């Protein structure tokens, strides 16, 4: 599915959250698609199952996935109207990042080009 960087300063569970969000946002993982079980993913990535569980809990609290007792975890259908608080938080973060980028010399055109890259699904990690 993906790889994690064990040498990164970023905790494994946060890397896992970020990767799963990317897969969901870019429609690699579709609405209501079943995610691998905690045990399966732990074996696949050779990491502690508790780390997977922590990431799944966080993704559930953020509204990206939902769990059904005895069935597993699934990608939450995107409810754009139901995430107003989260959307407002992202808006504020973007404003701050845009202001910082412009202060550091990034042009309006470069910012627009980045947006086009995101819309096109390109990644520049």
PDB file of N, CA and C in Angstrom:
ATOM      1  N   UNK A   1       0.831  -1.198   0.000  1.00  0.00           N
ATOM      2  CA  UNK A   1       0.000   0.000   0.000  1.00  0.00           C
ATOM      3  C   UNK A   1       0.871   1.255   0.000  1.00  0.00           C
ATOM      4  N   UNK A   2       1.830   1.356   0.931  1.00  0.00           N
ATOM      5  CA  UNK A   2       2.743   2.496   1.001  1.00  0.00           C
ATOM      6  C   UNK A   2       3.864   2.175   1.963  1.00  0.00           C
ATOM      7  N   UNK A   3       4.853   3.063   2.004  1.00  0.00           N
ATOM      8  CA  UNK A   3       5.993   2.872   2.895  1.00  0.00           C
ATOM      9  C   UNK A   3       6.067   4.027   3.883  1.00  0.00           C
ATOM     10  N   UNK A   4       6.613   3.733   5.057  1.00  0.00           N
ATOM     11  CA  UNK A   4       6.820   4.741   6.082  1.00  0.00           C
ATOM     12  C   UNK A   4       8.319   4.909   6.300  1.00  0.00           C
ATOM     13  N   UNK A   5       8.727   6.093   6.698  1.00  0.00           N
ATOM     14  CA  UNK A   5      10.141   6.379   6.930  1.00  0.00           C
ATOM     15  C   UNK A   5      10.438   6.248   8.419  1.00  0.00           C
ATOM     16  N   UNK A   6      11.045   5.134   8.800  1.00  0.00           N
ATOM     17  CA  UNK A   6      11.306   4.906  10.229  1.00  0.00           C
ATOM     18  C   UNK A   6      12.399   5.828  10.772  1.00  0.00           C
ATOM     19  N   UNK A   7      13.160   6.465   9.870  1.00  0.00           N
ATOM     20  CA  UNK A   7      14.209   7.388  10.320  1.00  0.00           C
ATOM     21  C   UNK A   7      13.704   8.820  10.469  1.00  0.00           C
ATOM     22  N   UNK A   8      12.481   9.057  10.045  1.00  0.00           N
ATOM     23  CA  UNK A   8      11.907  10.401  10.108  1.00  0.00           C
ATOM     24  C   UNK A   8      11.697  10.828  11.562  1.00  0.00           C
ATOM     25  N   UNK A   9      11.765  12.118  11.791  1.00  0.00           N
ATOM     26  CA  UNK A   9      11.469  12.652  13.123  1.00  0.00           C
ATOM     27  C   UNK A   9       9.974  12.611  13.407  1.00  0.00           C
ATOM     28  N   UNK A  10       9.186  12.531  12.346  1.00  0.00           N
ATOM     29  CA  UNK A  10       7.733  12.493  12.492  1.00  0.00           C
ATOM     30  C   UNK A  10       7.326  11.111  12.996  1.00  0.00           C
ATOM     31  N   UNK A  11       6.506  11.048  14.041  1.00  0.00           N
ATOM     32  CA  UNK A  11       6.087   9.748  14.574  1.00  0.00           C
ATOM     33  C   UNK A  11       5.415   8.886  13.507  1.00  0.00           C
ATOM     34  N   UNK A  12       5.597   7.578  13.629  1.00  0.00           N
ATOM     35  CA  UNK A  12       5.055   6.626  12.662  1.00  0.00           C
ATOM     36  C   UNK A  12       3.545   6.783  12.513  1.00  0.00           C
ATOM     37  N   UNK A  13       2.823   6.935  13.638  1.00  0.00           N
ATOM     38  CA  UNK A  13       1.371   7.019  13.544  1.00  0.00           C
ATOM     39  C   UNK A  13       0.944   8.271  12.766  1.00  0.00           C
ATOM     40  N   UNK A  14       1.701   9.378  12.892  1.00  0.00           N
ATOM     41  CA  UNK A  14       1.378  10.588  12.139  1.00  0.00           C
ATOM     42  C   UNK A  14       1.661  10.397  10.648  1.00  0.00           C
ATOM     43  N   UNK A  15       2.748   9.691  10.329  1.00  0.00           N
ATOM     44  CA  UNK A  15       3.042   9.382   8.934  1.00  0.00           C
ATOM     45  C   UNK A  15       1.919   8.534   8.342  1.00  0.00           C
ATOM     46  N   UNK A  16       1.465   7.567   9.122  1.00  0.00           N
ATOM     47  CA  UNK A  16       0.386   6.687   8.685  1.00  0.00           C
ATOM     48  C   UNK A  16      -0.904   7.484   8.439  1.00  0.00           C
ATOM     49  N   UNK A  17      -1.221   8.386   9.349  1.00  0.00           N
ATOM     50  CA  UNK A  17      -2.396   9.257   9.182  1.00  0.00           C
ATOM     51  C   UNK A  17      -2.272  10.059   7.897  1.00  0.00           C
ATOM     52  N   UNK A  18      -1.119  10.681   7.682  1.00  0.00           N
ATOM     53  CA  UNK A  18      -0.905  11.501   6.484  1.00  0.00           C
ATOM     54  C   UNK A  18      -1.042  10.679   5.201  1.00  0.00           C
ATOM     55  N   UNK A  19      -0.456   9.490   5.191  1.00  0.00           N
ATOM     56  CA  UNK A  19      -0.517   8.639   3.990  1.00  0.00           C
ATOM     57  C   UNK A  19      -1.952   8.215   3.705  1.00  0.00           C
ATOM     58  N   UNK A  20      -2.672   7.802   4.740  1.00  0.00           N
ATOM     59  CA  UNK A  20      -4.051   7.373   4.534  1.00  0.00           C
ATOM     60  C   UNK A  20      -4.933   8.542   4.083  1.00  0.00           C
ATOM     61  N   UNK A  21      -4.709   9.727   4.656  1.00  0.00           N
ATOM     62  CA  UNK A  21      -5.453  10.909   4.219  1.00  0.00           C
ATOM     63  C   UNK A  21      -5.203  11.176   2.736  1.00  0.00           C
ATOM     64  N   UNK A  22      -3.938  11.088   2.314  1.00  0.00           N
ATOM     65  CA  UNK A  22      -3.603  11.317   0.907  1.00  0.00           C
ATOM     66  C   UNK A  22      -4.347  10.321   0.016  1.00  0.00           C
ATOM     67  N   UNK A  23      -4.354   9.054   0.415  1.00  0.00           N
ATOM     68  CA  UNK A  23      -5.026   8.027  -0.375  1.00  0.00           C
ATOM     69  C   UNK A  23      -6.526   8.291  -0.454  1.00  0.00           C
ATOM     70  N   UNK A  24      -7.102   8.781   0.629  1.00  0.00           N
ATOM     71  CA  UNK A  24      -8.540   9.080   0.658  1.00  0.00           C
ATOM     72  C   UNK A  24      -8.836  10.328  -0.171  1.00  0.00           C
ATOM     73  N   UNK A  25      -8.065  11.380   0.026  1.00  0.00           N
ATOM     74  CA  UNK A  25      -8.282  12.650  -0.673  1.00  0.00           C
ATOM     75  C   UNK A  25      -8.141  12.482  -2.183  1.00  0.00           C
ATOM     76  N   UNK A  26      -7.177  11.671  -2.605  1.00  0.00           N
ATOM     77  CA  UNK A  26      -6.932  11.483  -4.041  1.00  0.00           C
ATOM     78  C   UNK A  26      -7.729  10.312  -4.617  1.00  0.00           C
ATOM     79  N   UNK A  27      -8.733   9.851  -3.871  1.00  0.00           N
ATOM     80  CA  UNK A  27      -9.654   8.798  -4.329  1.00  0.00           C
ATOM     81  C   UNK A  27      -8.983   7.477  -4.664  1.00  0.00           C
ATOM     82  N   UNK A  28      -7.810   7.231  -4.104  1.00  0.00           N
ATOM     83  CA  UNK A  28      -7.204   5.911  -4.249  1.00  0.00           C
ATOM     84  C   UNK A  28      -8.018   4.943  -3.395  1.00  0.00           C
ATOM     85  N   UNK A  29      -8.369   5.405  -2.190  1.00  0.00           N
ATOM     86  CA  UNK A  29      -9.304   4.672  -1.332  1.00  0.00           C
ATOM     87  C   UNK A  29     -10.665   5.323  -1.520  1.00  0.00           C
ATOM     88  N   UNK A  30     -11.636   4.559  -1.946  1.00  0.00           N
ATOM     89  CA  UNK A  30     -12.968   5.071  -2.280  1.00  0.00           C
ATOM     90  C   UNK A  30     -13.884   5.081  -1.061  1.00  0.00           C
ATOM     91  N   UNK A  31     -14.972   5.838  -1.176  1.00  0.00           N
ATOM     92  CA  UNK A  31     -15.973   5.908  -0.110  1.00  0.00           C
ATOM     93  C   UNK A  31     -16.470   4.513   0.241  1.00  0.00           C
ATOM     94  N   UNK A  32     -16.593   4.249   1.516  1.00  0.00           N
ATOM     95  CA  UNK A  32     -17.075   2.977   2.071  1.00  0.00           C
ATOM     96  C   UNK A  32     -16.162   1.791   1.782  1.00  0.00           C
ATOM     97  N   UNK A  33     -14.958   2.039   1.260  1.00  0.00           N
ATOM     98  CA  UNK A  33     -14.003   0.951   1.032  1.00  0.00           C
ATOM     99  C   UNK A  33     -13.434   0.489   2.369  1.00  0.00           C
ATOM    100  N   UNK A  34     -13.299  -0.811   2.521  1.00  0.00           N
ATOM    101  CA  UNK A  34     -12.770  -1.382   3.760  1.00  0.00           C
ATOM    102  C   UNK A  34     -11.263  -1.196   3.795  1.00  0.00           C
ATOM    103  N   UNK A  35     -10.764  -0.716   4.933  1.00  0.00           N
ATOM    104  CA  UNK A  35      -9.327  -0.576   5.140  1.00  0.00           C
ATOM    105  C   UNK A  35      -8.767  -1.908   5.632  1.00  0.00           C
ATOM    106  N   UNK A  36      -7.469  -2.125   5.461  1.00  0.00           N
ATOM    107  CA  UNK A  36      -6.888  -3.346   6.017  1.00  0.00           C
ATOM    108  C   UNK A  36      -7.101  -3.381   7.533  1.00  0.00           C
ATOM    109  N   UNK A  37      -7.238  -4.572   8.073  1.00  0.00           N
ATOM    110  CA  UNK A  37      -7.391  -4.681   9.527  1.00  0.00           C
ATOM    111  C   UNK A  37      -6.111  -4.197  10.195  1.00  0.00           C
ATOM    112  N   UNK A  38      -6.224  -3.879  11.462  1.00  0.00           N
ATOM    113  CA  UNK A  38      -5.061  -3.427  12.235  1.00  0.00           C
ATOM    114  C   UNK A  38      -3.963  -4.480  12.156  1.00  0.00           C
ATOM    115  N   UNK A  39      -4.325  -5.736  12.338  1.00  0.00           N
ATOM    116  CA  UNK A  39      -3.348  -6.830  12.321  1.00  0.00           C
ATOM    117  C   UNK A  39      -2.693  -6.956  10.940  1.00  0.00           C
ATOM    118  N   UNK A  40      -3.502  -6.906   9.870  1.00  0.00           N
ATOM    119  CA  UNK A  40      -2.958  -7.026   8.505  1.00  0.00           C
ATOM    120  C   UNK A  40      -1.970  -5.905   8.203  1.00  0.00           C
ATOM    121  N   UNK A  41      -2.364  -4.680   8.518  1.00  0.00           N
ATOM    122  CA  UNK A  41      -1.506  -3.534   8.222  1.00  0.00           C
ATOM    123  C   UNK A  41      -0.240  -3.550   9.080  1.00  0.00           C
ATOM    124  N   UNK A  42      -0.369  -3.966  10.325  1.00  0.00           N
ATOM    125  CA  UNK A  42       0.804  -4.066  11.209  1.00  0.00           C
ATOM    126  C   UNK A  42       1.808  -5.069  10.645  1.00  0.00           C
ATOM    127  N   UNK A  43       1.317  -6.194  10.146  1.00  0.00           N
ATOM    128  CA  UNK A  43       2.207  -7.191   9.549  1.00  0.00           C
ATOM    129  C   UNK A  43       2.827  -6.677   8.261  1.00  0.00           C
ATOM    130  N   UNK A  44       2.009  -6.038   7.436  1.00  0.00           N
ATOM    131  CA  UNK A  44       2.485  -5.521   6.157  1.00  0.00           C
ATOM    132  C   UNK A  44       3.583  -4.472   6.345  1.00  0.00           C
ATOM    133  N   UNK A  45       3.382  -3.579   7.313  1.00  0.00           N
ATOM    134  CA  UNK A  45       4.337  -2.490   7.533  1.00  0.00           C
ATOM    135  C   UNK A  45       5.380  -2.824   8.596  1.00  0.00           C
ATOM    136  N   UNK A  46       5.246  -3.981   9.197  1.00  0.00           N
ATOM    137  CA  UNK A  46       6.098  -4.432  10.311  1.00  0.00           C
ATOM    138  C   UNK A  46       6.229  -3.369  11.412  1.00  0.00           C
ATOM    139  N   UNK A  47       5.072  -2.923  11.881  1.00  0.00           N
ATOM    140  CA  UNK A  47       5.027  -2.000  13.013  1.00  0.00           C
ATOM    141  C   UNK A  47       4.008  -2.503  14.029  1.00  0.00           C
ATOM    142  N   UNK A  48       4.074  -1.947  15.206  1.00  0.00           N
ATOM    143  CA  UNK A  48       3.219  -2.361  16.309  1.00  0.00           C
ATOM    144  C   UNK A  48       1.741  -2.107  15.992  1.00  0.00           C
ATOM    145  N   UNK A  49       0.873  -3.093  16.235  1.00  0.00           N
ATOM    146  CA  UNK A  49      -0.559  -2.902  15.990  1.00  0.00           C
ATOM    147  C   UNK A  49      -1.155  -1.712  16.757  1.00  0.00           C
ATOM    148  N   UNK A  50      -0.609  -1.410  17.928  1.00  0.00           N
ATOM    149  CA  UNK A  50      -1.107  -0.262  18.698  1.00  0.00           C
ATOM    150  C   UNK A  50      -0.905   1.048  17.935  1.00  0.00           C
ATOM    151  N   UNK A  51       0.163   1.116  17.150  1.00  0.00           N
ATOM    152  CA  UNK A  51       0.438   2.306  16.338  1.00  0.00           C
ATOM    153  C   UNK A  51      -0.638   2.465  15.259  1.00  0.00           C
ATOM    154  N   UNK A  52      -1.002   1.345  14.634  1.00  0.00           N
ATOM    155  CA  UNK A  52      -2.053   1.360  13.610  1.00  0.00           C
ATOM    156  C   UNK A  52      -3.374   1.784  14.258  1.00  0.00           C
ATOM    157  N   UNK A  53      -3.670   1.192  15.413  1.00  0.00           N
ATOM    158  CA  UNK A  53      -4.926   1.493  16.116  1.00  0.00           C
ATOM    159  C   UNK A  53      -5.005   2.972  16.467  1.00  0.00           C
ATOM    160  N   UNK A  54      -3.893   3.539  16.914  1.00  0.00           N
ATOM    161  CA  UNK A  54      -3.857   4.961  17.267  1.00  0.00           C
ATOM    162  C   UNK A  54      -4.141   5.830  16.038  1.00  0.00           C
ATOM    163  N   UNK A  55      -3.551   5.477  14.902  1.00  0.00           N
ATOM    164  CA  UNK A  55      -3.776   6.224  13.657  1.00  0.00           C
ATOM    165  C   UNK A  55      -5.231   6.099  13.214  1.00  0.00           C
ATOM    166  N   UNK A  56      -5.784   4.896  13.275  1.00  0.00           N
ATOM    167  CA  UNK A  56      -7.175   4.691  12.885  1.00  0.00           C
ATOM    168  C   UNK A  56      -8.121   5.497  13.784  1.00  0.00           C
ATOM    169  N   UNK A  57      -7.837   5.516  15.087  1.00  0.00           N
ATOM    170  CA  UNK A  57      -8.681   6.286  16.014  1.00  0.00           C
ATOM    171  C   UNK A  57      -8.649   7.769  15.661  1.00  0.00           C
ATOM    172  N   UNK A  58      -7.470   8.276  15.354  1.00  0.00           N
ATOM    173  CA  UNK A  58      -7.329   9.697  15.005  1.00  0.00           C
ATOM    174  C   UNK A  58      -8.050  10.003  13.693  1.00  0.00           C
ATOM    175  N   UNK A  59      -7.901   9.135  12.706  1.00  0.00           N
ATOM    176  CA  UNK A  59      -8.597   9.337  11.430  1.00  0.00           C
ATOM    177  C   UNK A  59     -10.107   9.294  11.619  1.00  0.00           C
ATOM    178  N   UNK A  60     -10.563   8.443  12.529  1.00  0.00           N
ATOM    179  CA  UNK A  60     -11.998   8.368  12.805  1.00  0.00           C
ATOM    180  C   UNK A  60     -12.471   9.654  13.480  1.00  0.00           C
ATOM    181  N   UNK A  61     -11.690  10.161  14.421  1.00  0.00           N
ATOM    182  CA  UNK A  61     -12.088  11.390  15.112  1.00  0.00           C
ATOM    183  C   UNK A  61     -12.090  12.589  14.161  1.00  0.00           C
ATOM    184  N   UNK A  62     -11.269  12.536  13.110  1.00  0.00           N
ATOM    185  CA  UNK A  62     -11.222  13.613  12.123  1.00  0.00           C
ATOM    186  C   UNK A  62     -12.268  13.428  11.018  1.00  0.00           C
ATOM    187  N   UNK A  63     -12.974  12.301  11.035  1.00  0.00           N
ATOM    188  CA  UNK A  63     -14.048  12.080  10.070  1.00  0.00           C
ATOM    189  C   UNK A  63     -13.627  11.467   8.748  1.00  0.00           C
ATOM    190  N   UNK A  64     -12.408  10.948   8.667  1.00  0.00           N
ATOM    191  CA  UNK A  64     -11.955  10.338   7.420  1.00  0.00           C
ATOM    192  C   UNK A  64     -12.388   8.879   7.290  1.00  0.00           C
ATOM    193  N   UNK A  65     -12.518   8.208   8.424  1.00  0.00           N
ATOM    194  CA  UNK A  65     -12.933   6.808   8.393  1.00  0.00           C
ATOM    195  C   UNK A  65     -13.993   6.573   9.465  1.00  0.00           C
ATOM    196  N   UNK A  66     -14.666   5.438   9.376  1.00  0.00           N
ATOM    197  CA  UNK A  66     -15.598   5.018  10.415  1.00  0.00           C
ATOM    198  C   UNK A  66     -15.396   3.531  10.657  1.00  0.00           C
ATOM    199  N   UNK A  67     -15.779   3.080  11.830  1.00  0.00           N
ATOM    200  CA  UNK A  67     -15.609   1.680  12.200  1.00  0.00           C
ATOM    201  C   UNK A  67     -16.956   1.038  12.464  1.00  0.00           C
ATOM    202  N   UNK A  68     -17.062  -0.220  12.097  1.00  0.00           N
ATOM    203  CA  UNK A  68     -18.231  -1.022  12.409  1.00  0.00           C
ATOM    204  C   UNK A  68     -17.757  -2.195  13.258  1.00  0.00           C
ATOM    205  N   UNK A  69     -18.351  -2.336  14.425  1.00  0.00           N
ATOM    206  CA  UNK A  69     -17.957  -3.384  15.357  1.00  0.00           C
ATOM    207  C   UNK A  69     -17.990  -4.751  14.665  1.00  0.00           C
ATOM    208  N   UNK A  70     -16.870  -5.451  14.724  1.00  0.00           N
ATOM    209  CA  UNK A  70     -16.781  -6.782  14.149  1.00  0.00           C
ATOM    210  C   UNK A  70     -16.570  -6.821  12.646  1.00  0.00           C
ATOM    211  N   UNK A  71     -16.628  -5.667  11.987  1.00  0.00           N
ATOM    212  CA  UNK A  71     -16.479  -5.636  10.529  1.00  0.00           C
ATOM    213  C   UNK A  71     -15.213  -4.924  10.073  1.00  0.00           C
ATOM    214  N   UNK A  72     -14.743  -3.944  10.846  1.00  0.00           N
ATOM    215  CA  UNK A  72     -13.525  -3.238  10.482  1.00  0.00           C
ATOM    216  C   UNK A  72     -13.724  -1.747  10.296  1.00  0.00           C
ATOM    217  N   UNK A  73     -12.728  -1.138   9.656  1.00  0.00           N
ATOM    218  CA  UNK A  73     -12.735   0.304   9.411  1.00  0.00           C
ATOM    219  C   UNK A  73     -12.921   0.557   7.922  1.00  0.00           C
ATOM    220  N   UNK A  74     -13.648   1.644   7.616  1.00  0.00           N
ATOM    221  CA  UNK A  74     -14.010   1.970   6.246  1.00  0.00           C
ATOM    222  C   UNK A  74     -13.801   3.454   5.988  1.00  0.00           C
ATOM    223  N   UNK A  75     -13.606   3.798   4.706  1.00  0.00           N
ATOM    224  CA  UNK A  75     -13.472   5.200   4.314  1.00  0.00           C
ATOM    225  C   UNK A  75     -14.833   5.862   4.445  1.00  0.00           C
ATOM    226  N   UNK A  76     -14.852   6.971   5.145  1.00  0.00           N
ATOM    227  CA  UNK A  76     -16.102   7.697   5.368  1.00  0.00           C
ATOM    228  C   UNK A  76     -16.524   8.407   4.087  1.00  0.00           C
ATOM    229  N   UNK A  77     -17.798   8.302   3.725  1.00  0.00           N
ATOM    230  CA  UNK A  77     -18.264   9.069   2.560  1.00  0.00           C
ATOM    231  C   UNK A  77     -18.033  10.559   2.819  1.00  0.00           C
ATOM    232  N   UNK A  78     -17.488  11.251   1.841  1.00  0.00           N
ATOM    233  CA  UNK A  78     -17.178  12.665   2.060  1.00  0.00           C
ATOM    234  C   UNK A  78     -18.459  13.463   2.200  1.00  0.00           C
ATOM    235  N   UNK A  79     -18.579  14.078   3.336  1.00  0.00           N
ATOM    236  CA  UNK A  79     -19.741  14.939   3.581  1.00  0.00           C
ATOM    237  C   UNK A  79     -19.212  16.354   3.716  1.00  0.00           C
ATOM    238  N   UNK A  80     -19.102  17.024   2.593  1.00  0.00           N
ATOM    239  CA  UNK A  80     -18.489  18.350   2.576  1.00  0.00           C
ATOM    240  C   UNK A  80     -19.233  19.341   3.472  1.00  0.00           C
ATOM    241  N   UNK A  81     -20.531  19.175   3.620  1.00  0.00           N
ATOM    242  CA  UNK A  81     -21.292  20.087   4.474  1.00  0.00           C
ATOM    243  C   UNK A  81     -21.087  19.779   5.948  1.00  0.00           C
ATOM    244  N   UNK A  82     -20.786  18.546   6.271  1.00  0.00           N
ATOM    245  CA  UNK A  82     -20.677  18.132   7.657  1.00  0.00           C
ATOM    246  C   UNK A  82     -19.349  18.462   8.304  1.00  0.00           C
ATOM    247  N   UNK A  83     -18.443  19.082   7.577  1.00  0.00           N
ATOM    248  CA  UNK A  83     -17.099  19.335   8.108  1.00  0.00           C
ATOM    249  C   UNK A  83     -16.781  20.822   8.142  1.00  0.00           C
ATOM    250  N   UNK A  84     -17.737  21.641   8.491  1.00  0.00           N
ATOM    251  CA  UNK A  84     -17.540  23.094   8.442  1.00  0.00           C
ATOM    252  C   UNK A  84     -16.441  23.572   9.378  1.00  0.00           C
ATOM    253  N   UNK A  85     -16.403  23.035  10.599  1.00  0.00           N
ATOM    254  CA  UNK A  85     -15.361  23.454  11.551  1.00  0.00           C
ATOM    255  C   UNK A  85     -13.981  23.087  11.037  1.00  0.00           C
ATOM    256  N   UNK A  86     -13.854  21.866  10.543  1.00  0.00           N
ATOM    257  CA  UNK A  86     -12.571  21.401  10.035  1.00  0.00           C
ATOM    258  C   UNK A  86     -12.149  22.220   8.819  1.00  0.00           C
ATOM    259  N   UNK A  87     -13.106  22.529   7.950  1.00  0.00           N
ATOM    260  CA  UNK A  87     -12.825  23.318   6.765  1.00  0.00           C
ATOM    261  C   UNK A  87     -12.366  24.727   7.142  1.00  0.00           C
ATOM    262  N   UNK A  88     -12.990  25.312   8.141  1.00  0.00           N
ATOM    263  CA  UNK A  88     -12.596  26.648   8.592  1.00  0.00           C
ATOM    264  C   UNK A  88     -11.174  26.636   9.154  1.00  0.00           C
ATOM    265  N   UNK A  89     -10.847  25.590   9.876  1.00  0.00           N
ATOM    266  CA  UNK A  89      -9.493  25.442  10.432  1.00  0.00           C
ATOM    267  C   UNK A  89      -8.464  25.358   9.299  1.00  0.00           C
ATOM    268  N   UNK A  90      -8.764  24.571   8.272  1.00  0.00           N
ATOM    269  CA  UNK A  90      -7.862  24.444   7.123  1.00  0.00           C
ATOM    270  C   UNK A  90      -7.728  25.781   6.405  1.00  0.00           C
ATOM    271  N   UNK A  91      -8.834  26.507   6.269  1.00  0.00           N
ATOM    272  CA  UNK A  91      -8.794  27.833   5.633  1.00  0.00           C
ATOM    273  C   UNK A  91      -7.824  28.762   6.358  1.00  0.00           C
ATOM    274  N   UNK A  92      -7.918  28.775   7.682  1.00  0.00           N
ATOM    275  CA  UNK A  92      -7.034  29.641   8.468  1.00  0.00           C
ATOM    276  C   UNK A  92      -5.574  29.222   8.325  1.00  0.00           C
ATOM    277  N   UNK A  93      -5.325  27.920   8.324  1.00  0.00           N
ATOM    278  CA  UNK A  93      -3.956  27.422   8.146  1.00  0.00           C
ATOM    279  C   UNK A  93      -3.417  27.806   6.769  1.00  0.00           C
ATOM    280  N   UNK A  94      -4.264  27.694   5.745  1.00  0.00           N
ATOM    281  CA  UNK A  94      -3.846  28.067   4.395  1.00  0.00           C
ATOM    282  C   UNK A  94      -3.509  29.561   4.313  1.00  0.00           C
ATOM    283  N   UNK A  95      -4.338  30.387   4.936  1.00  0.00           N
ATOM    284  CA  UNK A  95      -4.060  31.831   4.942  1.00  0.00           C
ATOM    285  C   UNK A  95      -2.681  32.113   5.526  1.00  0.00           C
ATOM    286  N   UNK A  96      -2.393  31.464   6.645  1.00  0.00           N
ATOM    287  CA  UNK A  96      -1.086  31.662   7.285  1.00  0.00           C
ATOM    288  C   UNK A  96       0.045  31.183   6.381  1.00  0.00           C
ATOM    289  N   UNK A  97      -0.143  30.020   5.749  1.00  0.00           N
ATOM    290  CA  UNK A  97       0.895  29.491   4.864  1.00  0.00           C
ATOM    291  C   UNK A  97       1.076  30.369   3.630  1.00  0.00           C
ATOM    292  N   UNK A  98      -0.021  30.860   3.056  1.00  0.00           N
ATOM    293  CA  UNK A  98       0.081  31.750   1.906  1.00  0.00           C
ATOM    294  C   UNK A  98       0.818  33.027   2.288  1.00  0.00           C
ATOM    295  N   UNK A  99       0.487  33.590   3.429  1.00  0.00           N
ATOM    296  CA  UNK A  99       1.146  34.820   3.883  1.00  0.00           C
ATOM    297  C   UNK A  99       2.647  34.584   4.055  1.00  0.00           C
ATOM    298  N   UNK A 100       3.001  33.456   4.647  1.00  0.00           N
ATOM    299  CA  UNK A 100       4.417  33.145   4.853  1.00  0.00           C
ATOM    300  C   UNK A 100       5.123  32.935   3.514  1.00  0.00           C
ATOM    301  N   UNK A 101       4.476  32.195   2.599  1.00  0.00           N
ATOM    302  CA  UNK A 101       5.067  31.947   1.281  1.00  0.00           C
ATOM    303  C   UNK A 101       5.301  33.252   0.532  1.00  0.00           C
ATOM    304  N   UNK A 102       4.325  34.155   0.582  1.00  0.00           N
ATOM    305  CA  UNK A 102       4.466  35.441  -0.106  1.00  0.00           C
ATOM    306  C   UNK A 102       5.556  36.292   0.547  1.00  0.00           C
ATOM    307  N   UNK A 103       5.635  36.244   1.857  1.00  0.00           N
ATOM    308  CA  UNK A 103       6.686  36.971   2.571  1.00  0.00           C
ATOM    309  C   UNK A 103       8.064  36.473   2.145  1.00  0.00           C
ATOM    310  N   UNK A 104       8.153  35.148   1.926  1.00  0.00           N
ATOM    311  CA  UNK A 104       9.434  34.557   1.539  1.00  0.00           C
ATOM    312  C   UNK A 104       9.729  34.704   0.047  1.00  0.00           C
ATOM    313  N   UNK A 105       8.792  35.329  -0.693  1.00  0.00           N
ATOM    314  CA  UNK A 105       9.065  35.639  -2.091  1.00  0.00           C
ATOM    315  C   UNK A 105       8.319  34.809  -3.120  1.00  0.00           C
ATOM    316  N   UNK A 106       7.426  33.941  -2.697  1.00  0.00           N
ATOM    317  CA  UNK A 106       6.660  33.154  -3.657  1.00  0.00           C
ATOM    318  C   UNK A 106       5.618  34.058  -4.315  1.00  0.00           C
ATOM    319  N   UNK A 107       5.518  33.944  -5.637  1.00  0.00           N
ATOM    320  CA  UNK A 107       4.573  34.795  -6.362  1.00  0.00           C
ATOM    321  C   UNK A 107       3.176  34.182  -6.359  1.00  0.00           C
ATOM    322  N   UNK A 108       2.215  35.018  -6.691  1.00  0.00           N
ATOM    323  CA  UNK A 108       0.821  34.582  -6.820  1.00  0.00           C
ATOM    324  C   UNK A 108       0.720  33.464  -7.873  1.00  0.00           C
ATOM    325  N   UNK A 109       1.501  33.611  -8.956  1.00  0.00           N
ATOM    326  CA  UNK A 109       1.491  32.624 -10.029  1.00  0.00           C
ATOM    327  C   UNK A 109       2.046  31.281  -9.552  1.00  0.00           C
ATOM    328  N   UNK A 110       3.089  31.306  -8.731  1.00  0.00           N
ATOM    329  CA  UNK A 110       3.659  30.059  -8.200  1.00  0.00           C
ATOM    330  C   UNK A 110       2.663  29.359  -7.272  1.00  0.00           C
ATOM    331  N   UNK A 111       1.950  30.147  -6.492  1.00  0.00           N
ATOM    332  CA  UNK A 111       0.925  29.575  -5.608  1.00  0.00           C
ATOM    333  C   UNK A 111      -0.197  28.960  -6.449  1.00  0.00           C
ATOM    334  N   UNK A 112      -0.601  29.655  -7.501  1.00  0.00           N
ATOM    335  CA  UNK A 112      -1.645  29.132  -8.390  1.00  0.00           C
ATOM    336  C   UNK A 112      -1.181  27.834  -9.055  1.00  0.00           C
ATOM    337  N   UNK A 113       0.088  27.772  -9.426  1.00  0.00           N
ATOM    338  CA  UNK A 113       0.642  26.564 -10.049  1.00  0.00           C
ATOM    339  C   UNK A 113       0.629  25.387  -9.063  1.00  0.00           C
ATOM    340  N   UNK A 114       0.925  25.661  -7.817  1.00  0.00           N
ATOM    341  CA  UNK A 114       0.850  24.613  -6.786  1.00  0.00           C
ATOM    342  C   UNK A 114      -0.573  24.082  -6.662  1.00  0.00           C
ATOM    343  N   UNK A 115      -1.535  24.978  -6.695  1.00  0.00           N
ATOM    344  CA  UNK A 115      -2.936  24.576  -6.615  1.00  0.00           C
ATOM    345  C   UNK A 115      -3.300  23.685  -7.803  1.00  0.00           C
ATOM    346  N   UNK A 116      -2.833  24.040  -8.985  1.00  0.00           N
ATOM    347  CA  UNK A 116      -3.081  23.219 -10.176  1.00  0.00           C
ATOM    348  C   UNK A 116      -2.462  21.828 -10.004  1.00  0.00           C
ATOM    349  N   UNK A 117      -1.256  21.780  -9.426  1.00  0.00           N
ATOM    350  CA  UNK A 117      -0.604  20.484  -9.168  1.00  0.00           C
ATOM    351  C   UNK A 117      -1.454  19.625  -8.248  1.00  0.00           C
ATOM    352  N   UNK A 118      -1.985  20.237  -7.199  1.00  0.00           N
ATOM    353  CA  UNK A 118      -2.806  19.501  -6.240  1.00  0.00           C
ATOM    354  C   UNK A 118      -4.080  19.001  -6.910  1.00  0.00           C
ATOM    355  N   UNK A 119      -4.709  19.858  -7.690  1.00  0.00           N
ATOM    356  CA  UNK A 119      -5.927  19.462  -8.399  1.00  0.00           C
ATOM    357  C   UNK A 119      -5.674  18.327  -9.371  1.00  0.00           C
ATOM    358  N   UNK A 120      -4.483  18.321  -9.960  1.00  0.00           N
ATOM    359  CA  UNK A 120      -4.127  17.278 -10.917  1.00  0.00           C
ATOM    360  C   UNK A 120      -3.645  16.008 -10.260  1.00  0.00           C
ATOM    361  N   UNK A 121      -3.540  16.018  -8.931  1.00  0.00           N
ATOM    362  CA  UNK A 121      -3.113  14.826  -8.213  1.00  0.00           C
ATOM    363  C   UNK A 121      -1.611  14.616  -8.187  1.00  0.00           C
ATOM    364  N   UNK A 122      -0.845  15.587  -8.647  1.00  0.00           N
ATOM    365  CA  UNK A 122       0.613  15.451  -8.629  1.00  0.00           C
ATOM    366  C   UNK A 122       1.097  15.648  -7.209  1.00  0.00           C
ATOM    367  N   UNK A 123       2.224  14.967  -6.920  1.00  0.00           N
ATOM    368  CA  UNK A 123       2.812  15.100  -5.582  1.00  0.00           C
ATOM    369  C   UNK A 123       4.278  15.485  -5.722  1.00  0.00           C
ATOM    370  N   UNK A 124       4.706  16.373  -4.850  1.00  0.00           N
ATOM    371  CA  UNK A 124       6.092  16.832  -4.860  1.00  0.00           C
ATOM    372  C   UNK A 124       6.703  16.662  -3.482  1.00  0.00           C
ATOM    373  N   UNK A 125       6.756  15.420  -3.009  1.00  0.00           N
ATOM    374  CA  UNK A 125       7.290  15.152  -1.661  1.00  0.00           C
ATOM    375  C   UNK A 125       8.787  15.169  -1.668  1.00  0.00           C
TER     376      UNK A 125
END
